[in-house]
């Protein structure tokens, strides 16, 4: 080498290795993918469901689990009187929710009109009258699952993105410092 000639460094020798950029990209991808999955899970399990629809005065037999709910189209909250009985004919308590929860699907908006307090999962008969004629029975909303899904998705997004970006920055800075140390090394005696 001649004086003033920069040292040549093989990129494969620079530390930390470039594989850390791939690891950082995977961390970002996984954070976003898992965060999106948790958001979808929270919305699906937290929003409740409307499994069986029926009309005013119609009696339907449905399988209910604890935390069941009766839904009505949005805007028709008042006036619905719903009765739920077990297969043995025992009355089941139906109470008005202490909150207002509305959800939309397929262009329809529904809101919770009553919470059905079934003692155990099983077959129940449901009859509603006095409303606007359309009802649905299904699972009650679970706001805690919705909140947990949203918060965990935000956390996963942040951990994935910030962790990945921080790794990229640290690896880039350390690789640059490694190169600078190599370039700054004495090149040896001048050629004769």
N, C-alpha and C. Protein backbone atom coordinates (compact mmCIF):
# COMPACT_ATOMS: atom_id res chain seq x y z
N UNK A 1 0.84 -1.17 0.00
CA UNK A 1 0.00 0.00 0.00
C UNK A 1 0.89 1.24 0.00
N UNK A 2 0.40 2.26 -0.60
CA UNK A 2 1.13 3.52 -0.67
C UNK A 2 0.58 4.48 0.38
N UNK A 3 1.44 5.37 0.89
CA UNK A 3 0.95 6.34 1.87
C UNK A 3 -0.21 7.13 1.29
N UNK A 4 -1.20 7.37 2.12
CA UNK A 4 -2.37 8.14 1.69
C UNK A 4 -3.44 7.28 1.04
N UNK A 5 -3.13 6.01 0.77
CA UNK A 5 -4.13 5.11 0.20
C UNK A 5 -5.00 4.59 1.34
N UNK A 6 -6.32 4.70 1.23
CA UNK A 6 -7.17 4.23 2.32
C UNK A 6 -7.11 2.72 2.44
N UNK A 7 -7.27 2.25 3.67
CA UNK A 7 -7.35 0.81 3.89
C UNK A 7 -8.62 0.28 3.24
N UNK A 8 -8.54 -0.87 2.64
CA UNK A 8 -9.71 -1.51 2.04
C UNK A 8 -10.22 -2.53 3.04
N UNK A 9 -11.52 -2.50 3.26
CA UNK A 9 -12.12 -3.42 4.23
C UNK A 9 -13.19 -4.25 3.54
N UNK A 10 -13.16 -5.51 3.82
CA UNK A 10 -14.16 -6.43 3.28
C UNK A 10 -15.46 -6.21 4.08
N UNK A 11 -16.58 -5.90 3.41
CA UNK A 11 -17.84 -5.66 4.14
C UNK A 11 -18.25 -6.82 5.04
N UNK A 12 -17.84 -8.03 4.73
CA UNK A 12 -18.19 -9.19 5.55
C UNK A 12 -17.46 -9.17 6.89
N UNK A 13 -16.36 -8.41 6.97
CA UNK A 13 -15.58 -8.35 8.21
C UNK A 13 -16.10 -7.28 9.17
N UNK A 14 -16.94 -6.37 8.70
CA UNK A 14 -17.44 -5.28 9.54
C UNK A 14 -18.40 -5.86 10.57
N UNK A 15 -18.24 -5.39 11.80
CA UNK A 15 -19.08 -5.84 12.90
C UNK A 15 -19.91 -4.68 13.41
N UNK A 16 -21.13 -4.88 13.90
CA UNK A 16 -21.91 -6.11 13.87
C UNK A 16 -22.30 -6.48 12.43
N UNK A 17 -22.63 -7.72 12.23
CA UNK A 17 -22.94 -8.22 10.89
C UNK A 17 -24.23 -7.62 10.35
N UNK A 18 -24.37 -7.66 9.03
CA UNK A 18 -25.56 -7.11 8.37
C UNK A 18 -26.82 -7.91 8.67
N UNK A 19 -26.69 -9.12 9.16
CA UNK A 19 -27.86 -9.93 9.48
C UNK A 19 -28.75 -9.23 10.51
N UNK A 20 -28.16 -8.33 11.32
CA UNK A 20 -28.95 -7.59 12.31
C UNK A 20 -29.96 -6.66 11.65
N UNK A 21 -29.71 -6.23 10.43
CA UNK A 21 -30.70 -5.42 9.71
C UNK A 21 -31.91 -6.29 9.38
N UNK A 22 -31.67 -7.56 9.04
CA UNK A 22 -32.77 -8.49 8.75
C UNK A 22 -33.56 -8.76 10.03
N UNK A 23 -32.85 -8.94 11.14
CA UNK A 23 -33.52 -9.17 12.42
C UNK A 23 -34.39 -7.96 12.78
N UNK A 24 -33.88 -6.75 12.55
CA UNK A 24 -34.65 -5.54 12.85
C UNK A 24 -35.89 -5.46 11.96
N UNK A 25 -35.75 -5.79 10.68
CA UNK A 25 -36.90 -5.77 9.77
C UNK A 25 -37.95 -6.79 10.20
N UNK A 26 -37.49 -7.98 10.64
CA UNK A 26 -38.44 -8.99 11.13
C UNK A 26 -39.16 -8.51 12.39
N UNK A 27 -38.44 -7.81 13.27
CA UNK A 27 -39.07 -7.29 14.49
C UNK A 27 -40.16 -6.29 14.13
N UNK A 28 -39.89 -5.42 13.16
CA UNK A 28 -40.90 -4.46 12.72
C UNK A 28 -42.10 -5.19 12.13
N UNK A 29 -41.83 -6.15 11.24
CA UNK A 29 -42.92 -6.90 10.60
C UNK A 29 -43.76 -7.64 11.64
N UNK A 30 -43.11 -8.34 12.57
CA UNK A 30 -43.85 -9.09 13.59
C UNK A 30 -44.65 -8.17 14.50
N UNK A 31 -44.07 -7.03 14.87
CA UNK A 31 -44.80 -6.08 15.71
C UNK A 31 -46.06 -5.58 15.04
N UNK A 32 -45.95 -5.25 13.76
CA UNK A 32 -47.12 -4.76 13.02
C UNK A 32 -48.14 -5.88 12.82
N UNK A 33 -47.66 -7.08 12.43
CA UNK A 33 -48.58 -8.19 12.19
C UNK A 33 -49.29 -8.63 13.46
N UNK A 34 -48.55 -8.79 14.55
CA UNK A 34 -49.18 -9.21 15.81
C UNK A 34 -50.09 -8.12 16.36
N UNK A 35 -49.68 -6.86 16.20
CA UNK A 35 -50.53 -5.76 16.64
C UNK A 35 -51.84 -5.72 15.89
N UNK A 36 -51.77 -5.92 14.57
CA UNK A 36 -53.00 -5.95 13.76
C UNK A 36 -53.87 -7.14 14.17
N UNK A 37 -53.24 -8.28 14.43
CA UNK A 37 -54.00 -9.46 14.87
C UNK A 37 -54.70 -9.23 16.20
N UNK A 38 -54.02 -8.60 17.15
CA UNK A 38 -54.63 -8.32 18.44
C UNK A 38 -55.78 -7.32 18.31
N UNK A 39 -55.62 -6.35 17.42
CA UNK A 39 -56.69 -5.37 17.19
C UNK A 39 -57.93 -6.08 16.64
N UNK A 40 -57.75 -6.93 15.65
CA UNK A 40 -58.88 -7.67 15.07
C UNK A 40 -59.50 -8.58 16.13
N UNK A 41 -58.67 -9.30 16.90
CA UNK A 41 -59.19 -10.16 17.96
C UNK A 41 -60.01 -9.37 18.97
N UNK A 42 -59.49 -8.21 19.39
CA UNK A 42 -60.20 -7.38 20.37
C UNK A 42 -61.53 -6.89 19.85
N UNK A 43 -61.55 -6.48 18.59
CA UNK A 43 -62.80 -5.97 18.01
C UNK A 43 -63.81 -7.11 17.85
N UNK A 44 -63.36 -8.25 17.34
CA UNK A 44 -64.29 -9.36 17.11
C UNK A 44 -64.84 -9.91 18.42
N UNK A 45 -63.99 -10.13 19.40
CA UNK A 45 -64.47 -10.72 20.65
C UNK A 45 -65.10 -9.68 21.58
N UNK A 46 -64.78 -8.43 21.40
CA UNK A 46 -65.31 -7.40 22.28
C UNK A 46 -66.62 -6.79 21.82
N UNK A 47 -66.93 -6.91 20.54
CA UNK A 47 -68.12 -6.25 20.00
C UNK A 47 -69.40 -7.03 20.19
N UNK A 48 -69.33 -8.26 20.65
CA UNK A 48 -70.54 -9.06 20.81
C UNK A 48 -70.98 -9.63 19.48
N UNK A 49 -72.12 -10.32 19.51
CA UNK A 49 -72.62 -10.94 18.27
C UNK A 49 -74.14 -10.94 18.28
N UNK A 50 -74.69 -11.03 17.10
CA UNK A 50 -76.12 -11.16 16.90
C UNK A 50 -76.34 -12.44 16.10
N UNK A 51 -76.57 -13.54 16.82
CA UNK A 51 -76.58 -14.85 16.19
C UNK A 51 -77.94 -15.22 15.59
N UNK A 52 -79.01 -14.83 16.21
CA UNK A 52 -80.35 -15.23 15.76
C UNK A 52 -81.25 -14.00 15.72
N UNK A 53 -81.87 -13.75 14.58
CA UNK A 53 -82.79 -12.61 14.44
C UNK A 53 -84.22 -13.14 14.44
N UNK A 54 -85.11 -12.29 14.96
CA UNK A 54 -86.51 -12.68 15.00
C UNK A 54 -87.38 -11.43 15.05
N UNK A 55 -88.68 -11.63 14.87
CA UNK A 55 -89.62 -10.52 14.80
C UNK A 55 -90.41 -10.33 16.09
N UNK A 56 -91.21 -9.26 16.11
CA UNK A 56 -92.04 -8.89 17.25
C UNK A 56 -93.06 -9.99 17.54
N UNK A 57 -93.09 -10.45 18.79
CA UNK A 57 -94.04 -11.48 19.20
C UNK A 57 -93.62 -12.90 18.84
N UNK A 58 -92.57 -13.06 18.07
CA UNK A 58 -92.11 -14.38 17.66
C UNK A 58 -91.28 -15.00 18.80
N UNK A 59 -91.47 -16.30 19.03
CA UNK A 59 -90.67 -17.00 20.04
C UNK A 59 -89.63 -17.84 19.31
N UNK A 60 -88.37 -17.64 19.71
CA UNK A 60 -87.29 -18.42 19.10
C UNK A 60 -86.59 -19.20 20.20
N UNK A 61 -86.09 -20.36 19.83
CA UNK A 61 -85.29 -21.17 20.75
C UNK A 61 -83.84 -21.05 20.29
N UNK A 62 -83.00 -20.62 21.22
CA UNK A 62 -81.60 -20.37 20.88
C UNK A 62 -80.68 -20.95 21.95
N UNK A 63 -79.47 -21.24 21.55
CA UNK A 63 -78.44 -21.65 22.51
C UNK A 63 -77.79 -20.39 23.06
N UNK A 64 -77.86 -20.23 24.37
CA UNK A 64 -77.28 -19.05 25.00
C UNK A 64 -76.20 -19.47 25.98
N UNK A 65 -75.22 -18.61 26.11
CA UNK A 65 -74.16 -18.77 27.11
C UNK A 65 -74.27 -17.59 28.06
N UNK A 66 -73.65 -17.69 29.22
CA UNK A 66 -73.64 -16.51 30.10
C UNK A 66 -73.13 -15.29 29.32
N UNK A 67 -73.57 -14.12 29.71
CA UNK A 67 -73.27 -12.86 29.03
C UNK A 67 -73.96 -12.75 27.68
N UNK A 68 -75.18 -13.26 27.61
CA UNK A 68 -75.96 -13.12 26.39
C UNK A 68 -76.63 -11.74 26.38
N UNK A 69 -77.06 -11.32 25.20
CA UNK A 69 -77.70 -10.01 25.08
C UNK A 69 -78.79 -10.06 24.03
N UNK A 70 -79.74 -9.14 24.19
CA UNK A 70 -80.77 -8.92 23.17
C UNK A 70 -80.46 -7.60 22.52
N UNK A 71 -80.43 -7.62 21.20
CA UNK A 71 -80.08 -6.44 20.40
C UNK A 71 -81.31 -5.95 19.65
N UNK A 72 -81.37 -4.64 19.43
CA UNK A 72 -82.42 -4.02 18.62
C UNK A 72 -81.74 -3.08 17.63
N UNK A 73 -82.42 -2.75 16.53
CA UNK A 73 -81.83 -1.78 15.61
C UNK A 73 -81.58 -0.45 16.33
N UNK A 74 -80.51 0.22 15.96
CA UNK A 74 -80.17 1.48 16.61
C UNK A 74 -81.33 2.46 16.50
N UNK A 75 -81.60 3.14 17.60
CA UNK A 75 -82.68 4.12 17.63
C UNK A 75 -83.97 3.57 18.19
N UNK A 76 -84.09 2.24 18.35
CA UNK A 76 -85.33 1.66 18.87
C UNK A 76 -85.12 1.07 20.25
N UNK A 77 -84.29 1.73 21.03
CA UNK A 77 -83.89 1.20 22.35
C UNK A 77 -85.06 1.03 23.31
N UNK A 78 -85.90 2.01 23.44
CA UNK A 78 -86.97 1.95 24.43
C UNK A 78 -88.16 1.14 23.94
N UNK A 79 -88.93 0.66 24.86
CA UNK A 79 -90.19 0.02 24.51
C UNK A 79 -90.16 -1.47 24.35
N UNK A 80 -89.01 -2.07 24.16
CA UNK A 80 -88.95 -3.52 23.95
C UNK A 80 -89.09 -4.24 25.29
N UNK A 81 -89.99 -5.21 25.32
CA UNK A 81 -90.18 -6.04 26.50
C UNK A 81 -89.84 -7.47 26.11
N UNK A 82 -88.77 -7.98 26.65
CA UNK A 82 -88.29 -9.32 26.27
C UNK A 82 -88.37 -10.28 27.44
N UNK A 83 -88.81 -11.49 27.14
CA UNK A 83 -88.91 -12.53 28.14
C UNK A 83 -88.07 -13.72 27.68
N UNK A 84 -87.30 -14.26 28.62
CA UNK A 84 -86.45 -15.41 28.33
C UNK A 84 -86.77 -16.50 29.34
N UNK A 85 -86.98 -17.73 28.84
CA UNK A 85 -87.25 -18.86 29.73
C UNK A 85 -86.34 -20.02 29.35
N UNK A 86 -86.04 -20.83 30.35
CA UNK A 86 -85.22 -22.01 30.12
C UNK A 86 -86.07 -23.09 29.46
N UNK A 87 -85.42 -24.18 29.06
CA UNK A 87 -86.16 -25.30 28.47
C UNK A 87 -87.18 -25.88 29.45
N UNK A 88 -86.91 -25.73 30.76
CA UNK A 88 -87.82 -26.23 31.79
C UNK A 88 -88.92 -25.22 32.12
N UNK A 89 -88.88 -24.04 31.49
CA UNK A 89 -89.91 -23.03 31.72
C UNK A 89 -89.58 -22.02 32.79
N UNK A 90 -88.38 -22.05 33.36
CA UNK A 90 -88.01 -21.09 34.39
C UNK A 90 -87.65 -19.75 33.74
N UNK A 91 -88.15 -18.67 34.36
CA UNK A 91 -87.86 -17.33 33.84
C UNK A 91 -86.40 -16.97 34.11
N UNK A 92 -85.81 -16.28 33.15
CA UNK A 92 -84.43 -15.82 33.26
C UNK A 92 -84.46 -14.30 33.29
N UNK A 93 -83.64 -13.73 34.13
CA UNK A 93 -83.60 -12.27 34.30
C UNK A 93 -83.02 -11.58 33.05
N UNK A 94 -83.74 -10.53 32.62
CA UNK A 94 -83.28 -9.67 31.53
C UNK A 94 -83.26 -8.25 32.08
N UNK A 95 -82.09 -7.61 32.07
CA UNK A 95 -81.97 -6.25 32.60
C UNK A 95 -81.48 -5.30 31.51
N UNK A 96 -81.81 -4.05 31.69
CA UNK A 96 -81.30 -3.02 30.77
C UNK A 96 -79.83 -2.79 31.08
N UNK A 97 -79.02 -2.61 30.05
CA UNK A 97 -77.59 -2.36 30.31
C UNK A 97 -77.40 -0.98 30.92
N UNK A 98 -76.36 -0.83 31.70
CA UNK A 98 -76.03 0.46 32.28
C UNK A 98 -75.16 1.29 31.37
N UNK A 99 -75.10 0.91 30.12
CA UNK A 99 -74.27 1.60 29.12
C UNK A 99 -74.99 1.56 27.79
N UNK A 100 -74.50 2.33 26.86
CA UNK A 100 -75.03 2.31 25.49
C UNK A 100 -73.92 1.79 24.60
N UNK A 101 -74.21 0.71 23.89
CA UNK A 101 -73.21 0.12 23.00
C UNK A 101 -73.88 -0.13 21.66
N UNK A 102 -73.29 0.42 20.61
CA UNK A 102 -73.80 0.27 19.25
C UNK A 102 -72.71 -0.31 18.37
N UNK A 103 -73.08 -1.23 17.51
CA UNK A 103 -72.13 -1.80 16.56
C UNK A 103 -72.80 -1.90 15.20
N UNK A 104 -72.00 -1.88 14.17
CA UNK A 104 -72.52 -1.94 12.80
C UNK A 104 -71.88 -3.09 12.05
N UNK A 105 -72.68 -3.74 11.23
CA UNK A 105 -72.18 -4.76 10.32
C UNK A 105 -73.16 -4.90 9.17
N UNK A 106 -72.64 -5.11 8.00
CA UNK A 106 -73.45 -5.26 6.78
C UNK A 106 -74.43 -4.11 6.60
N UNK A 107 -74.01 -2.92 6.93
CA UNK A 107 -74.84 -1.74 6.72
C UNK A 107 -75.94 -1.54 7.75
N UNK A 108 -75.97 -2.35 8.80
CA UNK A 108 -76.99 -2.22 9.84
C UNK A 108 -76.32 -1.86 11.15
N UNK A 109 -76.95 -0.99 11.91
CA UNK A 109 -76.46 -0.63 13.23
C UNK A 109 -77.41 -1.20 14.28
N UNK A 110 -76.82 -1.89 15.27
CA UNK A 110 -77.58 -2.52 16.33
C UNK A 110 -77.06 -2.02 17.67
N UNK A 111 -77.95 -2.01 18.66
CA UNK A 111 -77.53 -1.63 20.01
C UNK A 111 -78.12 -2.61 21.02
N UNK A 112 -77.45 -2.71 22.16
CA UNK A 112 -77.88 -3.65 23.20
C UNK A 112 -79.13 -3.09 23.88
N UNK A 113 -80.19 -3.90 23.93
CA UNK A 113 -81.42 -3.50 24.60
C UNK A 113 -81.58 -4.19 25.95
N UNK A 114 -80.98 -5.38 26.09
CA UNK A 114 -81.10 -6.11 27.35
C UNK A 114 -79.98 -7.11 27.53
N UNK A 115 -79.59 -7.28 28.77
CA UNK A 115 -78.59 -8.29 29.13
C UNK A 115 -79.32 -9.48 29.72
N UNK A 116 -79.06 -10.66 29.18
CA UNK A 116 -79.74 -11.88 29.60
C UNK A 116 -78.81 -12.62 30.56
N UNK A 117 -79.29 -12.83 31.77
CA UNK A 117 -78.46 -13.45 32.81
C UNK A 117 -78.77 -14.94 32.93
N UNK A 118 -78.33 -15.71 31.93
CA UNK A 118 -78.57 -17.15 31.97
C UNK A 118 -77.64 -17.79 32.99
N UNK A 119 -78.15 -18.75 33.76
CA UNK A 119 -77.31 -19.38 34.78
C UNK A 119 -76.27 -20.32 34.20
N UNK A 120 -76.56 -20.92 33.05
CA UNK A 120 -75.62 -21.86 32.42
C UNK A 120 -75.93 -21.91 30.93
N UNK A 121 -74.95 -22.33 30.17
CA UNK A 121 -75.15 -22.46 28.73
C UNK A 121 -76.22 -23.51 28.46
N UNK A 122 -77.06 -23.25 27.48
CA UNK A 122 -78.11 -24.21 27.14
C UNK A 122 -79.12 -23.59 26.19
N UNK A 123 -80.22 -24.31 26.00
CA UNK A 123 -81.30 -23.87 25.12
C UNK A 123 -82.29 -23.00 25.90
N UNK A 124 -82.66 -21.87 25.33
CA UNK A 124 -83.59 -20.94 25.96
C UNK A 124 -84.58 -20.44 24.92
N UNK A 125 -85.78 -20.09 25.38
CA UNK A 125 -86.80 -19.50 24.51
C UNK A 125 -86.84 -18.00 24.77
N UNK A 126 -86.86 -17.24 23.69
CA UNK A 126 -86.84 -15.77 23.79
C UNK A 126 -88.02 -15.22 23.01
N UNK A 127 -88.75 -14.28 23.65
CA UNK A 127 -89.87 -13.59 23.00
C UNK A 127 -89.76 -12.11 23.34
N UNK A 128 -89.88 -11.26 22.32
CA UNK A 128 -89.84 -9.81 22.54
C UNK A 128 -91.05 -9.17 21.89
N UNK A 129 -91.62 -8.17 22.57
CA UNK A 129 -92.75 -7.42 22.03
C UNK A 129 -92.56 -5.94 22.36
N UNK A 130 -93.35 -5.10 21.69
CA UNK A 130 -93.40 -3.68 22.02
C UNK A 130 -92.30 -2.83 21.43
N UNK A 131 -91.41 -3.43 20.68
CA UNK A 131 -90.34 -2.63 20.07
C UNK A 131 -90.72 -2.27 18.64
N UNK A 132 -89.73 -2.14 17.82
CA UNK A 132 -89.98 -1.79 16.42
C UNK A 132 -90.08 -3.00 15.52
N UNK A 133 -90.17 -4.20 16.12
CA UNK A 133 -90.44 -5.37 15.32
C UNK A 133 -89.25 -6.23 14.96
N UNK A 134 -88.04 -5.75 15.15
CA UNK A 134 -86.86 -6.55 14.81
C UNK A 134 -85.97 -6.68 16.04
N UNK A 135 -85.51 -7.92 16.26
CA UNK A 135 -84.66 -8.20 17.41
C UNK A 135 -83.58 -9.18 16.98
N UNK A 136 -82.57 -9.27 17.79
CA UNK A 136 -81.53 -10.28 17.60
C UNK A 136 -81.03 -10.68 18.98
N UNK A 137 -80.65 -11.92 19.10
CA UNK A 137 -80.09 -12.39 20.37
C UNK A 137 -78.72 -12.99 20.08
N UNK A 138 -77.81 -12.76 20.99
CA UNK A 138 -76.44 -13.25 20.81
C UNK A 138 -75.59 -12.93 22.02
N UNK A 139 -74.32 -12.72 21.78
CA UNK A 139 -73.37 -12.46 22.86
C UNK A 139 -73.34 -10.97 23.18
N UNK A 140 -73.25 -10.65 24.45
CA UNK A 140 -73.15 -9.25 24.88
C UNK A 140 -71.76 -8.71 24.55
N UNK A 141 -71.66 -7.42 24.37
CA UNK A 141 -70.33 -6.84 24.14
C UNK A 141 -69.46 -6.99 25.38
N UNK A 142 -68.18 -7.10 25.16
CA UNK A 142 -67.21 -7.19 26.25
C UNK A 142 -66.23 -6.04 26.09
N UNK A 143 -66.58 -4.87 26.62
CA UNK A 143 -65.71 -3.71 26.45
C UNK A 143 -64.29 -3.93 26.95
N UNK A 144 -64.13 -4.76 27.98
CA UNK A 144 -62.77 -5.00 28.49
C UNK A 144 -61.91 -5.69 27.44
N UNK A 145 -62.47 -6.64 26.69
CA UNK A 145 -61.70 -7.30 25.63
C UNK A 145 -61.38 -6.32 24.50
N UNK A 146 -62.31 -5.43 24.22
CA UNK A 146 -62.07 -4.43 23.19
C UNK A 146 -60.92 -3.52 23.60
N UNK A 147 -60.94 -3.06 24.84
CA UNK A 147 -59.87 -2.18 25.34
C UNK A 147 -58.55 -2.93 25.39
N UNK A 148 -58.55 -4.16 25.87
CA UNK A 148 -57.32 -4.95 25.94
C UNK A 148 -56.77 -5.18 24.53
N UNK A 149 -57.63 -5.48 23.58
CA UNK A 149 -57.18 -5.68 22.20
C UNK A 149 -56.55 -4.42 21.62
N UNK A 150 -57.17 -3.28 21.87
CA UNK A 150 -56.64 -2.02 21.34
C UNK A 150 -55.31 -1.67 22.01
N UNK A 151 -55.26 -1.76 23.34
CA UNK A 151 -54.03 -1.41 24.05
C UNK A 151 -52.88 -2.36 23.72
N UNK A 152 -53.17 -3.65 23.63
CA UNK A 152 -52.10 -4.59 23.31
C UNK A 152 -51.63 -4.42 21.87
N UNK A 153 -52.54 -4.07 20.96
CA UNK A 153 -52.11 -3.83 19.58
C UNK A 153 -51.22 -2.60 19.51
N UNK A 154 -51.55 -1.55 20.24
CA UNK A 154 -50.70 -0.36 20.26
C UNK A 154 -49.34 -0.71 20.84
N UNK A 155 -49.32 -1.49 21.93
CA UNK A 155 -48.06 -1.90 22.53
C UNK A 155 -47.21 -2.72 21.59
N UNK A 156 -47.82 -3.68 20.89
CA UNK A 156 -47.06 -4.50 19.95
C UNK A 156 -46.54 -3.68 18.77
N UNK A 157 -47.37 -2.75 18.27
CA UNK A 157 -46.91 -1.86 17.20
C UNK A 157 -45.68 -1.09 17.66
N UNK A 158 -45.76 -0.51 18.85
CA UNK A 158 -44.67 0.33 19.34
C UNK A 158 -43.40 -0.48 19.59
N UNK A 159 -43.54 -1.63 20.25
CA UNK A 159 -42.37 -2.46 20.53
C UNK A 159 -41.71 -2.90 19.22
N UNK A 160 -42.51 -3.36 18.27
CA UNK A 160 -41.96 -3.82 16.99
C UNK A 160 -41.29 -2.71 16.22
N UNK A 161 -41.98 -1.59 16.07
CA UNK A 161 -41.43 -0.50 15.26
C UNK A 161 -40.25 0.17 15.96
N UNK A 162 -40.43 0.57 17.22
CA UNK A 162 -39.34 1.25 17.92
C UNK A 162 -38.15 0.32 18.13
N UNK A 163 -38.41 -0.94 18.47
CA UNK A 163 -37.32 -1.90 18.64
C UNK A 163 -36.56 -2.14 17.36
N UNK A 164 -37.29 -2.29 16.26
CA UNK A 164 -36.65 -2.50 14.96
C UNK A 164 -35.86 -1.29 14.51
N UNK A 165 -36.44 -0.10 14.64
CA UNK A 165 -35.74 1.12 14.23
C UNK A 165 -34.52 1.36 15.11
N UNK A 166 -34.66 1.14 16.41
CA UNK A 166 -33.52 1.32 17.31
C UNK A 166 -32.40 0.35 16.96
N UNK A 167 -32.74 -0.89 16.63
CA UNK A 167 -31.73 -1.86 16.24
C UNK A 167 -31.02 -1.43 14.95
N UNK A 168 -31.78 -0.95 13.99
CA UNK A 168 -31.18 -0.47 12.73
C UNK A 168 -30.21 0.67 13.00
N UNK A 169 -30.60 1.62 13.83
CA UNK A 169 -29.73 2.76 14.13
C UNK A 169 -28.46 2.31 14.85
N UNK A 170 -28.61 1.49 15.88
CA UNK A 170 -27.44 1.02 16.63
C UNK A 170 -26.49 0.24 15.73
N UNK A 171 -27.02 -0.67 14.92
CA UNK A 171 -26.16 -1.47 14.04
C UNK A 171 -25.46 -0.57 13.02
N UNK A 172 -26.18 0.38 12.44
CA UNK A 172 -25.57 1.28 11.45
C UNK A 172 -24.46 2.11 12.09
N UNK A 173 -24.69 2.65 13.27
CA UNK A 173 -23.67 3.47 13.95
C UNK A 173 -22.45 2.61 14.30
N UNK A 174 -22.67 1.43 14.84
CA UNK A 174 -21.54 0.57 15.23
C UNK A 174 -20.76 0.09 14.01
N UNK A 175 -21.44 -0.22 12.93
CA UNK A 175 -20.74 -0.62 11.70
C UNK A 175 -19.90 0.54 11.17
N UNK A 176 -20.45 1.74 11.23
CA UNK A 176 -19.71 2.91 10.77
C UNK A 176 -18.48 3.15 11.64
N UNK A 177 -18.60 3.03 12.96
CA UNK A 177 -17.46 3.20 13.86
C UNK A 177 -16.40 2.14 13.60
N UNK A 178 -16.83 0.93 13.35
CA UNK A 178 -15.89 -0.15 13.05
C UNK A 178 -15.08 0.20 11.81
N UNK A 179 -15.76 0.65 10.76
CA UNK A 179 -15.07 1.05 9.53
C UNK A 179 -14.08 2.18 9.79
N UNK A 180 -14.52 3.17 10.57
CA UNK A 180 -13.64 4.32 10.86
C UNK A 180 -12.39 3.88 11.61
N UNK A 181 -12.52 2.97 12.55
CA UNK A 181 -11.34 2.48 13.27
C UNK A 181 -10.40 1.76 12.31
N UNK A 182 -10.98 0.98 11.38
CA UNK A 182 -10.16 0.25 10.43
C UNK A 182 -9.43 1.21 9.49
N UNK A 183 -10.13 2.22 9.01
CA UNK A 183 -9.54 3.20 8.10
C UNK A 183 -8.47 4.01 8.82
N UNK A 184 -8.64 4.29 10.08
CA UNK A 184 -7.71 5.11 10.82
C UNK A 184 -6.45 4.36 11.25
N UNK A 185 -6.41 3.04 11.08
CA UNK A 185 -5.24 2.25 11.46
C UNK A 185 -4.06 2.65 10.59
N UNK A 186 -2.85 2.62 11.16
CA UNK A 186 -1.67 2.88 10.33
C UNK A 186 -1.55 1.85 9.23
N UNK A 187 -1.08 2.27 8.11
CA UNK A 187 -1.05 1.39 6.94
C UNK A 187 0.26 0.64 6.81
N UNK A 188 1.17 0.84 7.71
CA UNK A 188 2.43 0.12 7.62
C UNK A 188 3.50 0.99 6.96
N UNK A 189 4.68 0.46 6.84
CA UNK A 189 5.77 1.27 6.27
C UNK A 189 5.54 1.53 4.78
N UNK A 190 6.05 2.66 4.30
CA UNK A 190 5.90 2.95 2.87
C UNK A 190 6.65 1.91 2.04
N UNK A 191 6.16 1.70 0.85
CA UNK A 191 6.78 0.73 -0.07
C UNK A 191 8.12 1.25 -0.55
N UNK A 192 9.15 0.39 -0.72
CA UNK A 192 10.50 0.85 -1.14
C UNK A 192 10.54 1.34 -2.57
